[in-house]
Protein backbone atom coordinates (compact mmCIF):
# COMPACT_ATOMS: atom_id res chain seq x y z
CA MET A 1 4.32 1.28 21.27
CA THR A 2 7.07 3.62 19.66
CA VAL A 3 6.34 7.04 17.78
CA GLN A 4 7.78 5.13 14.54
CA THR A 5 5.20 2.28 14.61
CA MET A 6 2.22 4.83 15.39
CA VAL A 7 3.42 6.91 12.45
CA ILE A 8 3.50 3.69 10.14
CA LEU A 9 0.13 2.47 11.45
CA LEU A 10 -1.12 6.20 10.61
CA LEU A 11 0.06 5.88 7.23
CA VAL A 12 -1.45 2.66 6.60
CA LEU A 13 -4.77 4.07 7.81
CA GLY A 14 -4.53 6.44 5.08
CA LEU A 15 -3.83 4.17 2.39
CA CYS A 16 -6.93 2.22 3.62
CA VAL A 17 -9.03 5.25 3.17
CA PHE A 18 -7.60 5.75 -0.17
CA ALA A 19 -8.17 2.11 -1.27
CA SER A 20 -11.61 2.32 -0.02
CA LEU A 21 -12.27 5.26 -1.96
CA PHE A 22 -10.80 3.63 -5.08
CA ALA A 23 -13.07 0.45 -4.58
CA GLY A 24 -16.03 2.71 -4.34
CA LEU A 25 -15.05 4.71 -7.51
CA ILE A 26 -14.51 1.60 -9.31
CA ALA A 27 -17.94 -0.09 -8.22
CA PHE A 28 -19.48 3.30 -9.41
CA GLY A 29 -17.89 3.06 -12.47
CA ILE A 30 -19.12 -0.37 -13.36
CA GLY A 31 -22.64 0.46 -12.44
CA ARG A 32 -22.54 3.37 -14.78
CA LEU A 33 -20.97 1.40 -17.31
CA ILE A 34 -23.88 -1.03 -17.51
CA LYS A 35 -26.45 1.76 -17.60
CA THR A 36 -27.91 1.55 -14.05
CA PRO A 37 -29.65 4.48 -12.82
CA MET A 38 -27.53 6.82 -10.84
CA ASP A 39 -28.92 6.40 -7.35
CA LYS A 40 -28.28 2.61 -7.71
CA ALA A 41 -24.73 3.22 -9.03
CA ILE A 42 -24.14 5.53 -5.88
CA GLY A 43 -25.33 2.66 -3.67
CA TRP A 44 -23.12 0.00 -5.23
CA GLY A 45 -19.96 2.37 -4.82
CA GLY A 46 -21.02 3.27 -1.05
CA ILE A 47 -21.50 -0.61 -0.44
CA ALA A 48 -18.09 -1.38 -1.99
CA SER A 49 -16.26 1.48 0.05
CA PHE A 50 -17.91 0.72 3.29
CA SER A 51 -17.07 -2.99 2.86
CA VAL A 52 -13.10 -2.42 1.80
CA MET A 53 -13.04 0.22 4.75
CA ALA A 54 -14.64 -2.44 7.24
CA LEU A 55 -12.15 -5.24 6.16
CA SER A 56 -9.17 -2.93 6.26
CA LEU A 57 -9.89 -1.74 9.74
CA THR A 58 -10.64 -5.06 11.11
CA VAL A 59 -7.09 -6.33 9.40
CA LEU A 60 -5.49 -3.19 11.02
CA ALA A 61 -7.02 -3.78 14.58
CA ILE A 62 -5.79 -7.37 14.58
CA VAL A 63 -2.11 -6.02 13.69
CA VAL A 64 -2.24 -3.47 16.16
CA THR A 65 -3.09 -6.10 18.60
CA LEU A 66 -0.25 -8.25 17.71
CA VAL A 67 2.42 -5.46 17.59
CA GLY A 68 1.36 -3.57 20.73
């Protein structure tokens, strides 16, 4: 694997982290919008963030296997 490929994969991983945080914030915002308690809204945000990160890491692992 070349250095350029590794840099691109690292950038993609960073984008996955930001997408995960964004999904968590959206889920938290929706939870607060419908007047759920704070702890439940934080839980929804955490679940959404974890789900997006797990999905993106799985896809990234498949892509790395195919490229490498």
